[in-house]
Amino acid sequence: MGHATAVPLSHDLYLIDAFMHDEPERLACYLFDTPQRLLIECGPSRSIGHLFAALDDLGVDDVATLAVTHIHLDHAGGAGHLARRFPNADIAVHRRGARHLADPGRLWDSASRVYDEREMQDLWGPIEPVEPARLTALDEGDRIPLGGGRQVDVLYTPGHAKHHVVFTEAETGACFVGDAVGIAFPHGHMVQPVTPPPDFDPELVVTQLHRIARHHPSFLGFAHFGPHPDPEAALAQAEERVRAWVAWVEEAAGADDLGGAMRRWALDEYRAQDVPEDIIEIYDRNTHWPMQAAGILRWLTA
């Protein structure tokens, strides 16, 4: 089993590999070690001990704010546990997701439509509710103070989920994109869409890609996984691929085992583009293909 590590980026910003599912490079959390500390993403409760260990190694004994890009379990499932660990921390989330962190029953039920009970426990672990008084509801144009005259700005970015936000910060030039752009693992940084039901909307996804581009970030901070140094290329590839995925599902919608067929098609497309097999394996292992296909199909048939 690995140990979560914190890597300095710039201007008091750290990347923390949170070892989600006890594996490296599955979830990136980002810490601003500033007068008012801000942690972006916390991951599921199942592996949050790795995050706590990394914060301990940095000497972090208090966090002012935990901000999550959205409430899916791989990003925010451990929010209640982190709130208990840091009793002075505010938990910041888009206003459409706040009530689900206070009362996570529906959040759990939604995820359990995709994963069975054993998978729920093995992958995510339990969800603890966050006291409503500790929740900060975010929306477009809000700011999270870092102290010393710095702040993180909030963009409301539905498309992946109705409760999705991204965060920008001026000194680092960073844009922390959650799943709004997709996934982009290191050692290849190929961008792949993330298209889960019930909220996936490719038209909104593309709108957000264009909005992010207009901010001219220095790098994109992917949750899965890490900084992408070429935002222009990443955003262009994200748009191209999400359009291609939707077009393929529309044509293949009647196929048996749509998720399996989508997997074979997508991986063959990567091979045709000379993507190395070890990179393809990383994306394949980190993709729940039936869920990806179901999200697109739901949008097409809505």
C-alpha atoms as a PDB file:
ATOM      1  CA  MET A   1       0.000   0.000   0.000  1.00  0.00           C
ATOM      2  CA  GLY A   2       1.305   3.429  -0.908  1.00  0.00           C
ATOM      3  CA  HIS A   3       1.579   6.592   1.121  1.00  0.00           C
ATOM      4  CA  ALA A   4       0.012   9.826  -0.042  1.00  0.00           C
ATOM      5  CA  THR A   5       2.567  12.451  -0.975  1.00  0.00           C
ATOM      6  CA  ALA A   6       2.472  16.232  -1.311  1.00  0.00           C
ATOM      7  CA  VAL A   7       4.394  17.837  -4.177  1.00  0.00           C
ATOM      8  CA  PRO A   8       4.986  21.614  -4.236  1.00  0.00           C
ATOM      9  CA  LEU A   9       3.827  23.312  -7.435  1.00  0.00           C
ATOM     10  CA  SER A  10       4.157  27.089  -7.014  1.00  0.00           C
ATOM     11  CA  HIS A  11       3.012  30.011  -4.860  1.00  0.00           C
ATOM     12  CA  ASP A  12       2.155  27.875  -1.775  1.00  0.00           C
ATOM     13  CA  LEU A  13       0.211  25.356  -3.852  1.00  0.00           C
ATOM     14  CA  TYR A  14       0.687  21.624  -3.346  1.00  0.00           C
ATOM     15  CA  LEU A  15      -0.520  18.614  -5.288  1.00  0.00           C
ATOM     16  CA  ILE A  16      -1.482  15.757  -2.992  1.00  0.00           C
ATOM     17  CA  ASP A  17      -1.773  12.283  -4.441  1.00  0.00           C
ATOM     18  CA  ALA A  18      -4.584  10.975  -2.247  1.00  0.00           C
ATOM     19  CA  PHE A  19      -4.100   7.315  -3.198  1.00  0.00           C
ATOM     20  CA  MET A  20      -7.770   6.751  -3.939  1.00  0.00           C
ATOM     21  CA  HIS A  21      -8.506   3.005  -3.915  1.00  0.00           C
ATOM     22  CA  ASP A  22      -5.022   2.702  -2.354  1.00  0.00           C
ATOM     23  CA  GLU A  23      -3.450   3.333  -5.770  1.00  0.00           C
ATOM     24  CA  PRO A  24      -1.228   6.187  -6.950  1.00  0.00           C
ATOM     25  CA  GLU A  25      -2.365   8.760  -9.502  1.00  0.00           C
ATOM     26  CA  ARG A  26      -6.080   8.096  -9.106  1.00  0.00           C
ATOM     27  CA  LEU A  27      -7.123  11.333  -7.346  1.00  0.00           C
ATOM     28  CA  ALA A  28      -5.298  14.649  -7.057  1.00  0.00           C
ATOM     29  CA  CYS A  29      -6.203  17.004  -4.240  1.00  0.00           C
ATOM     30  CA  TYR A  30      -4.797  20.525  -4.229  1.00  0.00           C
ATOM     31  CA  LEU A  31      -3.788  22.434  -1.097  1.00  0.00           C
ATOM     32  CA  PHE A  32      -3.159  26.158  -0.835  1.00  0.00           C
ATOM     33  CA  ASP A  33      -0.947  26.363   2.255  1.00  0.00           C
ATOM     34  CA  THR A  34      -1.826  30.018   2.756  1.00  0.00           C
ATOM     35  CA  PRO A  35      -2.952  32.004   5.825  1.00  0.00           C
ATOM     36  CA  GLN A  36      -6.466  30.671   5.187  1.00  0.00           C
ATOM     37  CA  ARG A  37      -5.743  27.156   3.992  1.00  0.00           C
ATOM     38  CA  LEU A  38      -7.864  25.816   1.173  1.00  0.00           C
ATOM     39  CA  LEU A  39      -8.066  22.153   0.205  1.00  0.00           C
ATOM     40  CA  ILE A  40      -9.671  21.311  -3.145  1.00  0.00           C
ATOM     41  CA  GLU A  41     -11.228  17.800  -3.248  1.00  0.00           C
ATOM     42  CA  CYS A  42     -10.973  15.203  -0.491  1.00  0.00           C
ATOM     43  CA  GLY A  43     -11.904  11.923  -2.170  1.00  0.00           C
ATOM     44  CA  PRO A  44     -13.951   9.099  -0.671  1.00  0.00           C
ATOM     45  CA  SER A  45     -13.903   8.112   2.986  1.00  0.00           C
ATOM     46  CA  ARG A  46     -12.497   4.704   2.044  1.00  0.00           C
ATOM     47  CA  SER A  47      -9.051   6.175   1.373  1.00  0.00           C
ATOM     48  CA  ILE A  48      -9.150   9.516   3.167  1.00  0.00           C
ATOM     49  CA  GLY A  49      -6.577   8.321   5.690  1.00  0.00           C
ATOM     50  CA  HIS A  50      -3.945   8.734   2.957  1.00  0.00           C
ATOM     51  CA  LEU A  51      -4.927  12.382   2.560  1.00  0.00           C
ATOM     52  CA  PHE A  52      -4.784  12.928   6.308  1.00  0.00           C
ATOM     53  CA  ALA A  53      -1.279  11.395   6.375  1.00  0.00           C
ATOM     54  CA  ALA A  54      -0.070  13.780   3.666  1.00  0.00           C
ATOM     55  CA  LEU A  55      -1.513  16.771   5.506  1.00  0.00           C
ATOM     56  CA  ASP A  56       0.186  15.587   8.708  1.00  0.00           C
ATOM     57  CA  ASP A  57       3.499  15.329   6.847  1.00  0.00           C
ATOM     58  CA  LEU A  58       3.081  18.960   5.764  1.00  0.00           C
ATOM     59  CA  GLY A  59       2.351  20.019   9.341  1.00  0.00           C
ATOM     60  CA  VAL A  60      -1.217  21.027   8.489  1.00  0.00           C
ATOM     61  CA  ASP A  61      -3.188  21.142  11.724  1.00  0.00           C
ATOM     62  CA  ASP A  62      -6.100  23.252  10.477  1.00  0.00           C
ATOM     63  CA  VAL A  63      -7.930  23.912   7.230  1.00  0.00           C
ATOM     64  CA  ALA A  64     -10.091  26.978   6.670  1.00  0.00           C
ATOM     65  CA  THR A  65     -12.061  25.566   3.728  1.00  0.00           C
ATOM     66  CA  LEU A  66     -12.551  22.289   1.923  1.00  0.00           C
ATOM     67  CA  ALA A  67     -13.939  23.081  -1.536  1.00  0.00           C
ATOM     68  CA  VAL A  68     -15.194  20.273  -3.759  1.00  0.00           C
ATOM     69  CA  THR A  69     -15.786  20.634  -7.480  1.00  0.00           C
ATOM     70  CA  HIS A  70     -18.876  18.418  -7.228  1.00  0.00           C
ATOM     71  CA  ILE A  71     -20.463  15.899  -4.897  1.00  0.00           C
ATOM     72  CA  HIS A  72     -19.678  12.609  -6.658  1.00  0.00           C
ATOM     73  CA  LEU A  73     -18.178  10.166  -4.171  1.00  0.00           C
ATOM     74  CA  ASP A  74     -14.700  10.136  -5.686  1.00  0.00           C
ATOM     75  CA  HIS A  75     -14.449  13.874  -5.035  1.00  0.00           C
ATOM     76  CA  ALA A  76     -16.547  14.550  -1.930  1.00  0.00           C
ATOM     77  CA  GLY A  77     -17.485  11.239  -0.322  1.00  0.00           C
ATOM     78  CA  GLY A  78     -15.153  11.891   2.605  1.00  0.00           C
ATOM     79  CA  ALA A  79     -16.260  15.493   3.238  1.00  0.00           C
ATOM     80  CA  GLY A  80     -17.998  14.594   6.487  1.00  0.00           C
ATOM     81  CA  HIS A  81     -14.943  12.726   7.716  1.00  0.00           C
ATOM     82  CA  LEU A  82     -12.703  15.693   6.882  1.00  0.00           C
ATOM     83  CA  ALA A  83     -15.108  18.053   8.641  1.00  0.00           C
ATOM     84  CA  ARG A  84     -14.788  15.907  11.760  1.00  0.00           C
ATOM     85  CA  ARG A  85     -10.981  15.838  11.480  1.00  0.00           C
ATOM     86  CA  PHE A  86     -10.780  19.639  11.069  1.00  0.00           C
ATOM     87  CA  PRO A  87     -13.624  21.066  13.179  1.00  0.00           C
ATOM     88  CA  ASN A  88     -12.990  24.671  12.097  1.00  0.00           C
ATOM     89  CA  ALA A  89     -13.191  23.954   8.367  1.00  0.00           C
ATOM     90  CA  ASP A  90     -16.027  25.208   6.195  1.00  0.00           C
ATOM     91  CA  ILE A  91     -17.182  22.808   3.452  1.00  0.00           C
ATOM     92  CA  ALA A  92     -17.759  24.699   0.205  1.00  0.00           C
ATOM     93  CA  VAL A  93     -19.855  23.146  -2.575  1.00  0.00           C
ATOM     94  CA  HIS A  94     -22.199  24.377  -5.278  1.00  0.00           C
ATOM     95  CA  ARG A  95     -25.589  25.304  -3.870  1.00  0.00           C
ATOM     96  CA  ARG A  96     -27.259  22.455  -5.801  1.00  0.00           C
ATOM     97  CA  GLY A  97     -25.053  19.938  -4.025  1.00  0.00           C
ATOM     98  CA  ALA A  98     -24.982  21.354  -0.501  1.00  0.00           C
ATOM     99  CA  ARG A  99     -28.130  19.633   0.761  1.00  0.00           C
ATOM    100  CA  HIS A 100     -26.802  16.254  -0.388  1.00  0.00           C
ATOM    101  CA  LEU A 101     -23.707  16.632   1.790  1.00  0.00           C
ATOM    102  CA  ALA A 102     -25.942  17.533   4.734  1.00  0.00           C
ATOM    103  CA  ASP A 103     -28.219  14.558   4.051  1.00  0.00           C
ATOM    104  CA  PRO A 104     -26.270  12.109   1.861  1.00  0.00           C
ATOM    105  CA  GLY A 105     -28.927   9.400   1.549  1.00  0.00           C
ATOM    106  CA  ARG A 106     -29.897  10.278  -2.011  1.00  0.00           C
ATOM    107  CA  LEU A 107     -26.237  10.618  -2.979  1.00  0.00           C
ATOM    108  CA  TRP A 108     -25.580   7.087  -1.748  1.00  0.00           C
ATOM    109  CA  ASP A 109     -28.708   5.737  -3.438  1.00  0.00           C
ATOM    110  CA  SER A 110     -27.722   7.329  -6.750  1.00  0.00           C
ATOM    111  CA  ALA A 111     -24.260   5.763  -6.669  1.00  0.00           C
ATOM    112  CA  SER A 112     -25.685   2.376  -5.677  1.00  0.00           C
ATOM    113  CA  ARG A 113     -27.549   2.254  -8.999  1.00  0.00           C
ATOM    114  CA  VAL A 114     -24.134   1.926 -10.639  1.00  0.00           C
ATOM    115  CA  TYR A 115     -22.221  -0.108  -8.020  1.00  0.00           C
ATOM    116  CA  ASP A 116     -23.420  -3.005  -5.874  1.00  0.00           C
ATOM    117  CA  GLU A 117     -23.188  -2.827  -2.082  1.00  0.00           C
ATOM    118  CA  ARG A 118     -19.834  -4.571  -1.865  1.00  0.00           C
ATOM    119  CA  GLU A 119     -18.354  -2.266  -4.507  1.00  0.00           C
ATOM    120  CA  MET A 120     -19.790   0.744  -2.664  1.00  0.00           C
ATOM    121  CA  GLN A 121     -17.934  -0.213   0.494  1.00  0.00           C
ATOM    122  CA  ASP A 122     -14.734  -1.349  -1.234  1.00  0.00           C
ATOM    123  CA  LEU A 123     -14.454   1.702  -3.485  1.00  0.00           C
ATOM    124  CA  TRP A 124     -16.030   4.541  -1.540  1.00  0.00           C
ATOM    125  CA  GLY A 125     -16.718   3.693   2.099  1.00  0.00           C
ATOM    126  CA  PRO A 126     -19.438   5.307   4.212  1.00  0.00           C
ATOM    127  CA  ILE A 127     -20.592   8.912   3.916  1.00  0.00           C
ATOM    128  CA  GLU A 128     -20.900  11.044   7.029  1.00  0.00           C
ATOM    129  CA  PRO A 129     -23.253  14.043   6.879  1.00  0.00           C
ATOM    130  CA  VAL A 130     -21.872  17.563   7.151  1.00  0.00           C
ATOM    131  CA  GLU A 131     -23.570  19.869   9.635  1.00  0.00           C
ATOM    132  CA  PRO A 132     -25.602  22.399   7.613  1.00  0.00           C
ATOM    133  CA  ALA A 133     -24.075  25.298   9.540  1.00  0.00           C
ATOM    134  CA  ARG A 134     -20.641  24.335   8.209  1.00  0.00           C
ATOM    135  CA  LEU A 135     -21.674  24.284   4.552  1.00  0.00           C
ATOM    136  CA  THR A 136     -20.909  27.212   2.260  1.00  0.00           C
ATOM    137  CA  ALA A 137     -23.084  27.220  -0.859  1.00  0.00           C
ATOM    138  CA  LEU A 138     -21.116  28.374  -3.901  1.00  0.00           C
ATOM    139  CA  ASP A 139     -22.234  29.830  -7.203  1.00  0.00           C
ATOM    140  CA  GLU A 140     -20.856  31.686 -10.207  1.00  0.00           C
ATOM    141  CA  GLY A 141     -18.732  34.694  -9.205  1.00  0.00           C
ATOM    142  CA  ASP A 142     -18.154  33.681  -5.586  1.00  0.00           C
ATOM    143  CA  ARG A 143     -14.681  33.932  -4.069  1.00  0.00           C
ATOM    144  CA  ILE A 144     -12.920  31.830  -1.446  1.00  0.00           C
ATOM    145  CA  PRO A 145     -10.335  33.844   0.513  1.00  0.00           C
ATOM    146  CA  LEU A 146      -6.802  32.504   0.899  1.00  0.00           C
ATOM    147  CA  GLY A 147      -5.518  35.384   3.013  1.00  0.00           C
ATOM    148  CA  GLY A 148      -2.785  37.828   2.113  1.00  0.00           C
ATOM    149  CA  GLY A 149      -4.975  39.433  -0.531  1.00  0.00           C
ATOM    150  CA  ARG A 150      -5.348  36.215  -2.529  1.00  0.00           C
ATOM    151  CA  GLN A 151      -8.535  34.371  -3.400  1.00  0.00           C
ATOM    152  CA  VAL A 152      -9.913  31.548  -5.500  1.00  0.00           C
ATOM    153  CA  ASP A 153     -12.673  32.422  -7.948  1.00  0.00           C
ATOM    154  CA  VAL A 154     -15.642  30.158  -8.644  1.00  0.00           C
ATOM    155  CA  LEU A 155     -17.095  29.317 -12.047  1.00  0.00           C
ATOM    156  CA  TYR A 156     -20.350  27.368 -12.244  1.00  0.00           C
ATOM    157  CA  THR A 157     -19.747  24.653 -14.843  1.00  0.00           C
ATOM    158  CA  PRO A 158     -22.650  22.205 -15.316  1.00  0.00           C
ATOM    159  CA  GLY A 159     -22.288  19.573 -18.021  1.00  0.00           C
ATOM    160  CA  HIS A 160     -20.658  16.702 -16.171  1.00  0.00           C
ATOM    161  CA  ALA A 161     -23.000  17.323 -13.233  1.00  0.00           C
ATOM    162  CA  LYS A 162     -25.539  20.002 -12.322  1.00  0.00           C
ATOM    163  CA  HIS A 163     -23.574  20.768  -9.151  1.00  0.00           C
ATOM    164  CA  HIS A 164     -20.136  21.159 -10.759  1.00  0.00           C
ATOM    165  CA  VAL A 165     -17.857  24.163 -10.269  1.00  0.00           C
ATOM    166  CA  VAL A 166     -14.261  24.885 -11.200  1.00  0.00           C
ATOM    167  CA  PHE A 167     -11.827  27.124  -9.376  1.00  0.00           C
ATOM    168  CA  THR A 168      -9.267  29.610 -10.718  1.00  0.00           C
ATOM    169  CA  GLU A 169      -6.444  31.398  -8.899  1.00  0.00           C
ATOM    170  CA  ALA A 170      -4.443  34.315 -10.235  1.00  0.00           C
ATOM    171  CA  GLU A 171      -0.919  33.880  -8.797  1.00  0.00           C
ATOM    172  CA  THR A 172      -0.556  30.257  -9.859  1.00  0.00           C
ATOM    173  CA  GLY A 173      -2.617  30.737 -13.013  1.00  0.00           C
ATOM    174  CA  ALA A 174      -4.313  27.454 -12.156  1.00  0.00           C
ATOM    175  CA  CYS A 175      -7.753  26.250 -13.117  1.00  0.00           C
ATOM    176  CA  PHE A 176      -8.876  23.276 -11.024  1.00  0.00           C
ATOM    177  CA  VAL A 177     -11.297  21.496 -13.287  1.00  0.00           C
ATOM    178  CA  GLY A 178     -12.618  18.493 -11.363  1.00  0.00           C
ATOM    179  CA  ASP A 179     -14.312  16.412 -14.075  1.00  0.00           C
ATOM    180  CA  ALA A 180     -15.493  19.346 -16.205  1.00  0.00           C
ATOM    181  CA  VAL A 181     -12.838  18.654 -18.872  1.00  0.00           C
ATOM    182  CA  GLY A 182     -12.489  14.909 -18.338  1.00  0.00           C
ATOM    183  CA  ILE A 183      -9.600  12.773 -17.137  1.00  0.00           C
ATOM    184  CA  ALA A 184      -5.966  13.216 -18.178  1.00  0.00           C
ATOM    185  CA  PHE A 185      -3.498  10.887 -16.543  1.00  0.00           C
ATOM    186  CA  PRO A 186       0.238  11.624 -16.424  1.00  0.00           C
ATOM    187  CA  HIS A 187       2.728   9.972 -18.773  1.00  0.00           C
ATOM    188  CA  GLY A 188       0.490  10.736 -21.722  1.00  0.00           C
ATOM    189  CA  HIS A 189      -1.992  13.387 -20.622  1.00  0.00           C
ATOM    190  CA  MET A 190      -4.500  12.248 -23.209  1.00  0.00           C
ATOM    191  CA  VAL A 191      -7.890  13.771 -22.370  1.00  0.00           C
ATOM    192  CA  GLN A 192     -10.868  11.426 -22.150  1.00  0.00           C
ATOM    193  CA  PRO A 193     -14.477  12.463 -21.436  1.00  0.00           C
ATOM    194  CA  VAL A 194     -16.349  11.505 -18.278  1.00  0.00           C
ATOM    195  CA  THR A 195     -20.022  11.056 -19.166  1.00  0.00           C
ATOM    196  CA  PRO A 196     -22.035   9.609 -16.251  1.00  0.00           C
ATOM    197  CA  PRO A 197     -25.808   9.718 -15.820  1.00  0.00           C
ATOM    198  CA  PRO A 198     -27.977  11.441 -14.853  1.00  0.00           C
ATOM    199  CA  ASP A 199     -26.660  14.955 -15.588  1.00  0.00           C
ATOM    200  CA  PHE A 200     -24.253  14.557 -18.503  1.00  0.00           C
ATOM    201  CA  ASP A 201     -24.978  17.127 -21.222  1.00  0.00           C
ATOM    202  CA  PRO A 202     -22.384  17.397 -24.012  1.00  0.00           C
ATOM    203  CA  GLU A 203     -23.596  20.802 -25.161  1.00  0.00           C
ATOM    204  CA  LEU A 204     -23.047  22.191 -21.673  1.00  0.00           C
ATOM    205  CA  VAL A 205     -19.689  20.416 -21.446  1.00  0.00           C
ATOM    206  CA  VAL A 206     -18.482  22.168 -24.601  1.00  0.00           C
ATOM    207  CA  THR A 207     -19.803  25.497 -23.333  1.00  0.00           C
ATOM    208  CA  GLN A 208     -17.700  25.105 -20.185  1.00  0.00           C
ATOM    209  CA  LEU A 209     -14.605  24.130 -22.169  1.00  0.00           C
ATOM    210  CA  HIS A 210     -14.902  27.404 -24.082  1.00  0.00           C
ATOM    211  CA  ARG A 211     -15.470  29.394 -20.882  1.00  0.00           C
ATOM    212  CA  ILE A 212     -12.401  27.856 -19.250  1.00  0.00           C
ATOM    213  CA  ALA A 213     -10.332  28.662 -22.348  1.00  0.00           C
ATOM    214  CA  ARG A 214     -11.315  32.330 -22.133  1.00  0.00           C
ATOM    215  CA  HIS A 215      -9.642  32.509 -18.712  1.00  0.00           C
ATOM    216  CA  HIS A 216      -6.284  31.536 -20.298  1.00  0.00           C
ATOM    217  CA  PRO A 217      -5.114  29.350 -17.398  1.00  0.00           C
ATOM    218  CA  SER A 218      -1.430  28.487 -17.056  1.00  0.00           C
ATOM    219  CA  PHE A 219      -2.326  24.888 -16.307  1.00  0.00           C
ATOM    220  CA  LEU A 220      -5.371  22.716 -15.712  1.00  0.00           C
ATOM    221  CA  GLY A 221      -5.473  20.946 -12.362  1.00  0.00           C
ATOM    222  CA  PHE A 222      -7.205  17.661 -13.162  1.00  0.00           C
ATOM    223  CA  ALA A 223      -8.635  15.640 -10.308  1.00  0.00           C
ATOM    224  CA  HIS A 224      -7.776  12.527 -12.322  1.00  0.00           C
ATOM    225  CA  PHE A 225      -4.842  13.220 -12.427  1.00  0.00           C
ATOM    226  CA  GLY A 226      -2.571  16.188 -11.868  1.00  0.00           C
ATOM    227  CA  PRO A 227      -1.528  19.389 -13.675  1.00  0.00           C
ATOM    228  CA  HIS A 228      -1.828  19.520 -17.448  1.00  0.00           C
ATOM    229  CA  PRO A 229       0.691  22.057 -18.783  1.00  0.00           C
ATOM    230  CA  ASP A 230      -1.027  22.720 -22.141  1.00  0.00           C
ATOM    231  CA  PRO A 231      -4.581  23.915 -21.479  1.00  0.00           C
ATOM    232  CA  GLU A 232      -5.264  24.913 -25.084  1.00  0.00           C
ATOM    233  CA  ALA A 233      -4.438  21.448 -26.404  1.00  0.00           C
ATOM    234  CA  ALA A 234      -6.269  19.705 -23.562  1.00  0.00           C
ATOM    235  CA  LEU A 235      -9.465  21.691 -24.049  1.00  0.00           C
ATOM    236  CA  ALA A 236      -9.414  21.176 -27.802  1.00  0.00           C
ATOM    237  CA  GLN A 237      -8.921  17.435 -27.420  1.00  0.00           C
ATOM    238  CA  ALA A 238     -11.684  17.270 -24.818  1.00  0.00           C
ATOM    239  CA  GLU A 239     -14.151  18.922 -27.187  1.00  0.00           C
ATOM    240  CA  GLU A 240     -13.159  16.738 -30.127  1.00  0.00           C
ATOM    241  CA  ARG A 241     -13.445  13.539 -28.123  1.00  0.00           C
ATOM    242  CA  VAL A 242     -16.742  14.296 -26.379  1.00  0.00           C
ATOM    243  CA  ARG A 243     -18.328  15.028 -29.758  1.00  0.00           C
ATOM    244  CA  ALA A 244     -16.906  11.780 -31.166  1.00  0.00           C
ATOM    245  CA  TRP A 245     -18.190   9.735 -28.219  1.00  0.00           C
ATOM    246  CA  VAL A 246     -21.701  11.145 -28.503  1.00  0.00           C
ATOM    247  CA  ALA A 247     -21.762  10.516 -32.249  1.00  0.00           C
ATOM    248  CA  TRP A 248     -20.633   6.917 -31.766  1.00  0.00           C
ATOM    249  CA  VAL A 249     -23.241   6.156 -29.070  1.00  0.00           C
ATOM    250  CA  GLU A 250     -25.963   7.718 -31.214  1.00  0.00           C
ATOM    251  CA  GLU A 251     -25.056   5.374 -34.072  1.00  0.00           C
ATOM    252  CA  ALA A 252     -24.525   2.280 -31.903  1.00  0.00           C
ATOM    253  CA  ALA A 253     -27.380   2.844 -29.444  1.00  0.00           C
ATOM    254  CA  GLY A 254     -29.100  -0.460 -30.239  1.00  0.00           C
ATOM    255  CA  ALA A 255     -26.010  -2.602 -29.693  1.00  0.00           C
ATOM    256  CA  ASP A 256     -25.971  -5.424 -27.178  1.00  0.00           C
ATOM    257  CA  ASP A 257     -23.636  -4.622 -24.287  1.00  0.00           C
ATOM    258  CA  LEU A 258     -23.278  -0.998 -25.322  1.00  0.00           C
ATOM    259  CA  GLY A 259     -20.639  -0.343 -22.668  1.00  0.00           C
ATOM    260  CA  GLY A 260     -18.463  -3.208 -23.866  1.00  0.00           C
ATOM    261  CA  ALA A 261     -18.859  -2.165 -27.488  1.00  0.00           C
ATOM    262  CA  MET A 262     -17.962   1.417 -26.578  1.00  0.00           C
ATOM    263  CA  ARG A 263     -14.857   0.215 -24.757  1.00  0.00           C
ATOM    264  CA  ARG A 264     -13.636  -1.779 -27.748  1.00  0.00           C
ATOM    265  CA  TRP A 265     -14.285   1.115 -30.122  1.00  0.00           C
ATOM    266  CA  ALA A 266     -12.618   3.738 -27.926  1.00  0.00           C
ATOM    267  CA  LEU A 267      -9.515   1.646 -27.242  1.00  0.00           C
ATOM    268  CA  ASP A 268      -9.166   0.804 -30.926  1.00  0.00           C
ATOM    269  CA  GLU A 269      -9.378   4.530 -31.692  1.00  0.00           C
ATOM    270  CA  TYR A 270      -6.517   5.169 -29.264  1.00  0.00           C
ATOM    271  CA  ARG A 271      -4.439   2.446 -30.918  1.00  0.00           C
ATOM    272  CA  ALA A 272      -5.113   3.982 -34.322  1.00  0.00           C
ATOM    273  CA  GLN A 273      -3.731   7.246 -32.908  1.00  0.00           C
ATOM    274  CA  ASP A 274      -0.559   5.437 -31.762  1.00  0.00           C
ATOM    275  CA  VAL A 275      -1.311   5.816 -28.065  1.00  0.00           C
ATOM    276  CA  PRO A 276       1.056   3.437 -26.226  1.00  0.00           C
ATOM    277  CA  GLU A 277      -0.508   0.296 -24.760  1.00  0.00           C
ATOM    278  CA  ASP A 278       0.579   1.128 -21.213  1.00  0.00           C
ATOM    279  CA  ILE A 279      -1.253   4.474 -21.446  1.00  0.00           C
ATOM    280  CA  ILE A 280      -4.339   2.800 -22.915  1.00  0.00           C
ATOM    281  CA  GLU A 281      -4.315   0.354 -19.994  1.00  0.00           C
ATOM    282  CA  ILE A 282      -4.342   3.205 -17.473  1.00  0.00           C
ATOM    283  CA  TYR A 283      -7.383   4.820 -19.081  1.00  0.00           C
ATOM    284  CA  ASP A 284      -9.158   1.496 -19.503  1.00  0.00           C
ATOM    285  CA  ARG A 285      -8.599   0.546 -15.864  1.00  0.00           C
ATOM    286  CA  ASN A 286      -9.922   3.909 -14.693  1.00  0.00           C
ATOM    287  CA  THR A 287     -13.071   3.903 -16.832  1.00  0.00           C
ATOM    288  CA  HIS A 288     -16.460   2.426 -15.966  1.00  0.00           C
ATOM    289  CA  TRP A 289     -17.551   1.901 -19.560  1.00  0.00           C
ATOM    290  CA  PRO A 290     -21.216   0.915 -18.922  1.00  0.00           C
ATOM    291  CA  MET A 291     -21.669   4.137 -16.928  1.00  0.00           C
ATOM    292  CA  GLN A 292     -20.049   6.221 -19.683  1.00  0.00           C
ATOM    293  CA  ALA A 293     -22.337   4.748 -22.331  1.00  0.00           C
ATOM    294  CA  ALA A 294     -25.416   5.066 -20.114  1.00  0.00           C
ATOM    295  CA  GLY A 295     -24.831   8.771 -19.500  1.00  0.00           C
ATOM    296  CA  ILE A 296     -24.606   9.572 -23.188  1.00  0.00           C
ATOM    297  CA  LEU A 297     -27.571   7.363 -24.059  1.00  0.00           C
ATOM    298  CA  ARG A 298     -29.678   9.017 -21.371  1.00  0.00           C
ATOM    299  CA  TRP A 299     -28.946  12.445 -22.854  1.00  0.00           C
ATOM    300  CA  LEU A 300     -29.698  11.264 -26.385  1.00  0.00           C
ATOM    301  CA  THR A 301     -33.067   9.790 -25.386  1.00  0.00           C
ATOM    302  CA  ALA A 302     -34.187  12.467 -22.930  1.00  0.00           C
END
